[in-house]
Amino acid sequence: MEHEITERDGAVIASFSGDVDLQSSPDARKILLECVARKMPVLVDLSQVNYIDSSGIASLVESLQTARKGGGNLLLVSVSDAALRVLELARLDRVFTICGSIDEGLASL
């Protein structure tokens, strides 16, 4: 798993690529929680994620809950087909706000 953190228009954008699985999800969790701690809206770009398992999904859910508890916001943007299938199977596509692009995500804030 690779990642990149940027800021744009008052939001943190966390972009992930590769596999978010049992091996890499602890790092993903740490990265996401650090982004949420900035007290800015967080957009999680999953466009380059080839595979995500339940541990990766758990990291996303925990980060969403932490953001909401702190009065913040976390959105998923540009979700790859592979990641979207897992989110839909777990019915989490109804829990997360999912936008088609970073620009759409920023506009929805």
N, C-alpha and C. Protein backbone atom coordinates (compact mmCIF):
# COMPACT_ATOMS: atom_id res chain seq x y z
N MET A 1 0.84 -1.18 0.00
CA MET A 1 0.00 0.00 0.00
C MET A 1 0.89 1.24 0.00
N GLU A 2 0.52 2.16 -0.84
CA GLU A 2 1.15 3.48 -0.89
C GLU A 2 0.10 4.50 -0.49
N HIS A 3 0.56 5.67 -0.04
CA HIS A 3 -0.39 6.72 0.29
C HIS A 3 0.23 8.09 0.06
N GLU A 4 -0.62 9.08 -0.08
CA GLU A 4 -0.19 10.47 -0.22
C GLU A 4 -1.22 11.33 0.50
N ILE A 5 -0.72 12.29 1.27
CA ILE A 5 -1.60 13.22 2.00
C ILE A 5 -1.37 14.61 1.43
N THR A 6 -2.46 15.26 1.03
CA THR A 6 -2.39 16.63 0.53
C THR A 6 -3.50 17.44 1.17
N GLU A 7 -3.42 18.74 1.02
CA GLU A 7 -4.50 19.63 1.47
C GLU A 7 -4.96 20.44 0.28
N ARG A 8 -6.28 20.64 0.23
CA ARG A 8 -6.85 21.44 -0.86
C ARG A 8 -8.17 22.03 -0.40
N ASP A 9 -8.33 23.30 -0.60
CA ASP A 9 -9.58 24.00 -0.29
C ASP A 9 -10.08 23.71 1.12
N GLY A 10 -9.18 23.68 2.09
CA GLY A 10 -9.57 23.50 3.48
C GLY A 10 -9.87 22.07 3.88
N ALA A 11 -9.48 21.12 3.05
CA ALA A 11 -9.73 19.70 3.36
C ALA A 11 -8.43 18.92 3.22
N VAL A 12 -8.36 17.81 3.96
CA VAL A 12 -7.23 16.88 3.85
C VAL A 12 -7.65 15.79 2.87
N ILE A 13 -6.78 15.49 1.92
CA ILE A 13 -7.06 14.42 0.97
C ILE A 13 -6.04 13.31 1.21
N ALA A 14 -6.55 12.14 1.59
CA ALA A 14 -5.71 10.96 1.82
C ALA A 14 -5.94 10.01 0.65
N SER A 15 -4.92 9.86 -0.18
CA SER A 15 -5.02 9.00 -1.36
C SER A 15 -4.25 7.70 -1.10
N PHE A 16 -4.93 6.59 -1.33
CA PHE A 16 -4.33 5.28 -1.12
C PHE A 16 -4.24 4.54 -2.46
N SER A 17 -3.23 3.68 -2.58
CA SER A 17 -3.12 2.84 -3.77
C SER A 17 -2.60 1.47 -3.36
N GLY A 18 -2.89 0.49 -4.20
CA GLY A 18 -2.46 -0.88 -3.91
C GLY A 18 -3.49 -1.61 -3.08
N ASP A 19 -3.01 -2.51 -2.22
CA ASP A 19 -3.89 -3.34 -1.40
C ASP A 19 -3.95 -2.81 0.03
N VAL A 20 -5.16 -2.66 0.53
CA VAL A 20 -5.37 -2.28 1.94
C VAL A 20 -5.89 -3.54 2.62
N ASP A 21 -4.96 -4.29 3.21
CA ASP A 21 -5.30 -5.60 3.75
C ASP A 21 -4.76 -5.74 5.18
N LEU A 22 -4.81 -6.94 5.69
CA LEU A 22 -4.39 -7.19 7.08
C LEU A 22 -2.97 -6.68 7.36
N GLN A 23 -2.11 -6.79 6.38
CA GLN A 23 -0.72 -6.33 6.56
C GLN A 23 -0.62 -4.80 6.59
N SER A 24 -1.36 -4.13 5.73
CA SER A 24 -1.21 -2.67 5.60
C SER A 24 -2.26 -1.87 6.35
N SER A 25 -3.33 -2.50 6.79
CA SER A 25 -4.41 -1.73 7.44
C SER A 25 -4.00 -1.03 8.73
N PRO A 26 -3.06 -1.56 9.54
CA PRO A 26 -2.64 -0.77 10.70
C PRO A 26 -2.03 0.58 10.29
N ASP A 27 -1.27 0.58 9.20
CA ASP A 27 -0.72 1.84 8.70
C ASP A 27 -1.83 2.75 8.18
N ALA A 28 -2.78 2.17 7.44
CA ALA A 28 -3.90 2.96 6.92
C ALA A 28 -4.69 3.58 8.07
N ARG A 29 -4.91 2.81 9.12
CA ARG A 29 -5.64 3.30 10.29
C ARG A 29 -4.93 4.49 10.91
N LYS A 30 -3.63 4.35 11.11
CA LYS A 30 -2.82 5.42 11.72
C LYS A 30 -2.88 6.68 10.85
N ILE A 31 -2.72 6.51 9.55
CA ILE A 31 -2.74 7.64 8.62
C ILE A 31 -4.10 8.34 8.66
N LEU A 32 -5.17 7.57 8.60
CA LEU A 32 -6.51 8.15 8.60
C LEU A 32 -6.82 8.88 9.91
N LEU A 33 -6.46 8.29 11.03
CA LEU A 33 -6.72 8.94 12.31
C LEU A 33 -5.89 10.21 12.48
N GLU A 34 -4.68 10.23 11.93
CA GLU A 34 -3.88 11.46 11.95
C GLU A 34 -4.54 12.55 11.10
N CYS A 35 -5.12 12.16 9.98
CA CYS A 35 -5.83 13.12 9.12
C CYS A 35 -7.05 13.69 9.85
N VAL A 36 -7.82 12.82 10.49
CA VAL A 36 -9.01 13.25 11.23
C VAL A 36 -8.62 14.20 12.36
N ALA A 37 -7.48 13.94 13.00
CA ALA A 37 -7.02 14.75 14.13
C ALA A 37 -6.69 16.19 13.72
N ARG A 38 -6.55 16.44 12.43
CA ARG A 38 -6.27 17.80 11.96
C ARG A 38 -7.49 18.72 12.08
N LYS A 39 -8.64 18.14 12.40
CA LYS A 39 -9.88 18.91 12.58
C LYS A 39 -10.29 19.64 11.29
N MET A 40 -10.05 18.97 10.17
CA MET A 40 -10.47 19.46 8.85
C MET A 40 -11.27 18.33 8.20
N PRO A 41 -12.13 18.65 7.24
CA PRO A 41 -12.80 17.56 6.51
C PRO A 41 -11.76 16.67 5.84
N VAL A 42 -12.04 15.37 5.78
CA VAL A 42 -11.12 14.41 5.19
C VAL A 42 -11.79 13.73 4.00
N LEU A 43 -11.11 13.75 2.87
CA LEU A 43 -11.54 13.03 1.69
C LEU A 43 -10.59 11.86 1.50
N VAL A 44 -11.12 10.66 1.43
CA VAL A 44 -10.29 9.46 1.25
C VAL A 44 -10.45 8.99 -0.19
N ASP A 45 -9.39 9.15 -0.95
CA ASP A 45 -9.38 8.79 -2.38
C ASP A 45 -8.97 7.32 -2.50
N LEU A 46 -9.91 6.50 -2.95
CA LEU A 46 -9.67 5.06 -3.10
C LEU A 46 -9.60 4.64 -4.57
N SER A 47 -9.34 5.59 -5.46
CA SER A 47 -9.36 5.29 -6.89
C SER A 47 -8.29 4.28 -7.31
N GLN A 48 -7.19 4.22 -6.59
CA GLN A 48 -6.09 3.33 -6.97
C GLN A 48 -5.98 2.10 -6.07
N VAL A 49 -7.03 1.83 -5.29
CA VAL A 49 -7.01 0.65 -4.41
C VAL A 49 -7.48 -0.56 -5.21
N ASN A 50 -6.59 -1.55 -5.30
CA ASN A 50 -6.89 -2.77 -6.05
C ASN A 50 -7.69 -3.77 -5.23
N TYR A 51 -7.47 -3.73 -3.90
CA TYR A 51 -8.07 -4.72 -3.02
C TYR A 51 -8.18 -4.11 -1.62
N ILE A 52 -9.31 -4.34 -0.98
CA ILE A 52 -9.48 -3.93 0.41
C ILE A 52 -10.22 -5.05 1.13
N ASP A 53 -9.72 -5.43 2.31
CA ASP A 53 -10.39 -6.50 3.06
C ASP A 53 -11.09 -5.89 4.28
N SER A 54 -11.60 -6.77 5.12
CA SER A 54 -12.38 -6.30 6.27
C SER A 54 -11.56 -5.45 7.23
N SER A 55 -10.27 -5.70 7.34
CA SER A 55 -9.45 -4.89 8.23
C SER A 55 -9.29 -3.47 7.67
N GLY A 56 -9.20 -3.36 6.36
CA GLY A 56 -9.14 -2.04 5.73
C GLY A 56 -10.45 -1.29 5.90
N ILE A 57 -11.56 -2.01 5.74
CA ILE A 57 -12.88 -1.41 5.93
C ILE A 57 -13.03 -0.96 7.38
N ALA A 58 -12.55 -1.76 8.32
CA ALA A 58 -12.64 -1.40 9.74
C ALA A 58 -11.88 -0.10 10.01
N SER A 59 -10.74 0.09 9.35
CA SER A 59 -9.98 1.33 9.51
C SER A 59 -10.78 2.53 9.00
N LEU A 60 -11.48 2.35 7.90
CA LEU A 60 -12.33 3.43 7.37
C LEU A 60 -13.48 3.75 8.32
N VAL A 61 -14.12 2.70 8.83
CA VAL A 61 -15.26 2.89 9.74
C VAL A 61 -14.82 3.59 11.02
N GLU A 62 -13.71 3.15 11.60
CA GLU A 62 -13.22 3.78 12.83
C GLU A 62 -12.89 5.26 12.59
N SER A 63 -12.31 5.55 11.46
CA SER A 63 -11.97 6.94 11.13
C SER A 63 -13.22 7.79 10.94
N LEU A 64 -14.24 7.22 10.30
CA LEU A 64 -15.51 7.93 10.14
C LEU A 64 -16.14 8.22 11.50
N GLN A 65 -16.17 7.23 12.36
CA GLN A 65 -16.75 7.41 13.70
C GLN A 65 -15.98 8.46 14.50
N THR A 66 -14.65 8.42 14.42
CA THR A 66 -13.83 9.39 15.14
C THR A 66 -14.08 10.80 14.61
N ALA A 67 -14.18 10.93 13.29
CA ALA A 67 -14.45 12.24 12.69
C ALA A 67 -15.79 12.77 13.16
N ARG A 68 -16.80 11.92 13.12
CA ARG A 68 -18.16 12.36 13.52
C ARG A 68 -18.22 12.74 14.99
N LYS A 69 -17.54 11.97 15.83
CA LYS A 69 -17.53 12.28 17.27
C LYS A 69 -16.91 13.64 17.53
N GLY A 70 -15.92 14.01 16.71
CA GLY A 70 -15.26 15.29 16.87
C GLY A 70 -15.92 16.41 16.10
N GLY A 71 -17.10 16.13 15.54
CA GLY A 71 -17.82 17.15 14.78
C GLY A 71 -17.28 17.35 13.37
N GLY A 72 -16.45 16.41 12.92
CA GLY A 72 -15.84 16.53 11.60
C GLY A 72 -16.57 15.72 10.54
N ASN A 73 -15.93 15.61 9.40
CA ASN A 73 -16.53 14.93 8.27
C ASN A 73 -15.47 14.11 7.55
N LEU A 74 -15.86 12.92 7.08
CA LEU A 74 -14.98 12.06 6.29
C LEU A 74 -15.80 11.50 5.13
N LEU A 75 -15.31 11.73 3.93
CA LEU A 75 -15.99 11.26 2.72
C LEU A 75 -15.07 10.32 1.95
N LEU A 76 -15.66 9.42 1.21
CA LEU A 76 -14.90 8.58 0.28
C LEU A 76 -15.09 9.15 -1.11
N VAL A 77 -13.99 9.24 -1.87
CA VAL A 77 -14.08 9.79 -3.22
C VAL A 77 -13.38 8.86 -4.21
N SER A 78 -13.89 8.89 -5.44
CA SER A 78 -13.28 8.12 -6.54
C SER A 78 -13.02 6.67 -6.14
N VAL A 79 -14.01 6.02 -5.58
CA VAL A 79 -13.84 4.66 -5.07
C VAL A 79 -13.71 3.68 -6.23
N SER A 80 -12.65 2.88 -6.20
CA SER A 80 -12.43 1.88 -7.26
C SER A 80 -13.56 0.85 -7.23
N ASP A 81 -13.74 0.17 -8.35
CA ASP A 81 -14.78 -0.87 -8.43
C ASP A 81 -14.57 -1.96 -7.38
N ALA A 82 -13.31 -2.35 -7.18
CA ALA A 82 -13.00 -3.41 -6.21
C ALA A 82 -13.39 -2.98 -4.80
N ALA A 83 -13.05 -1.77 -4.43
CA ALA A 83 -13.38 -1.28 -3.09
C ALA A 83 -14.88 -1.06 -2.94
N LEU A 84 -15.52 -0.57 -4.01
CA LEU A 84 -16.96 -0.32 -3.94
C LEU A 84 -17.73 -1.63 -3.75
N ARG A 85 -17.30 -2.69 -4.38
CA ARG A 85 -17.98 -3.99 -4.21
C ARG A 85 -17.96 -4.42 -2.75
N VAL A 86 -16.82 -4.26 -2.09
CA VAL A 86 -16.72 -4.65 -0.68
C VAL A 86 -17.62 -3.75 0.18
N LEU A 87 -17.61 -2.46 -0.08
CA LEU A 87 -18.47 -1.53 0.67
C LEU A 87 -19.95 -1.88 0.47
N GLU A 88 -20.32 -2.21 -0.76
CA GLU A 88 -21.72 -2.57 -1.03
C GLU A 88 -22.11 -3.88 -0.36
N LEU A 89 -21.21 -4.87 -0.38
CA LEU A 89 -21.50 -6.15 0.27
C LEU A 89 -21.75 -5.96 1.76
N ALA A 90 -20.99 -5.06 2.37
CA ALA A 90 -21.15 -4.78 3.81
C ALA A 90 -22.23 -3.72 4.07
N ARG A 91 -22.86 -3.26 2.99
CA ARG A 91 -23.88 -2.21 3.04
C ARG A 91 -23.35 -0.90 3.63
N LEU A 92 -22.07 -0.72 3.55
CA LEU A 92 -21.46 0.51 4.06
C LEU A 92 -21.53 1.65 3.06
N ASP A 93 -21.95 1.33 1.82
CA ASP A 93 -22.18 2.40 0.86
C ASP A 93 -23.35 3.28 1.31
N ARG A 94 -24.13 2.80 2.27
CA ARG A 94 -25.24 3.58 2.84
C ARG A 94 -24.80 4.39 4.06
N VAL A 95 -23.62 4.06 4.59
CA VAL A 95 -23.11 4.73 5.79
C VAL A 95 -22.17 5.87 5.40
N PHE A 96 -21.30 5.60 4.45
CA PHE A 96 -20.34 6.61 4.00
C PHE A 96 -20.97 7.50 2.94
N THR A 97 -20.56 8.75 2.92
CA THR A 97 -20.85 9.61 1.78
C THR A 97 -19.79 9.28 0.74
N ILE A 98 -20.24 8.90 -0.45
CA ILE A 98 -19.32 8.51 -1.52
C ILE A 98 -19.54 9.45 -2.70
N CYS A 99 -18.46 10.11 -3.11
CA CYS A 99 -18.52 11.05 -4.24
C CYS A 99 -17.68 10.52 -5.39
N GLY A 100 -18.06 10.88 -6.60
CA GLY A 100 -17.39 10.37 -7.80
C GLY A 100 -15.99 10.91 -8.02
N SER A 101 -15.69 12.08 -7.45
CA SER A 101 -14.37 12.68 -7.67
C SER A 101 -14.00 13.56 -6.48
N ILE A 102 -12.75 13.96 -6.43
CA ILE A 102 -12.30 14.86 -5.39
C ILE A 102 -13.06 16.19 -5.49
N ASP A 103 -13.22 16.68 -6.72
CA ASP A 103 -13.94 17.94 -6.90
C ASP A 103 -15.37 17.85 -6.37
N GLU A 104 -16.05 16.72 -6.65
CA GLU A 104 -17.41 16.52 -6.13
C GLU A 104 -17.41 16.48 -4.61
N GLY A 105 -16.43 15.82 -4.04
CA GLY A 105 -16.31 15.74 -2.59
C GLY A 105 -16.11 17.11 -1.97
N LEU A 106 -15.22 17.90 -2.56
CA LEU A 106 -14.98 19.25 -2.04
C LEU A 106 -16.23 20.11 -2.17
N ALA A 107 -16.94 19.98 -3.28
CA ALA A 107 -18.16 20.76 -3.49
C ALA A 107 -19.25 20.38 -2.50
N SER A 108 -19.27 19.11 -2.06
CA SER A 108 -20.33 18.66 -1.14
C SER A 108 -20.09 19.12 0.30
N LEU A 109 -18.87 19.60 0.58
CA LEU A 109 -18.58 20.07 1.93
C LEU A 109 -19.24 21.41 2.10
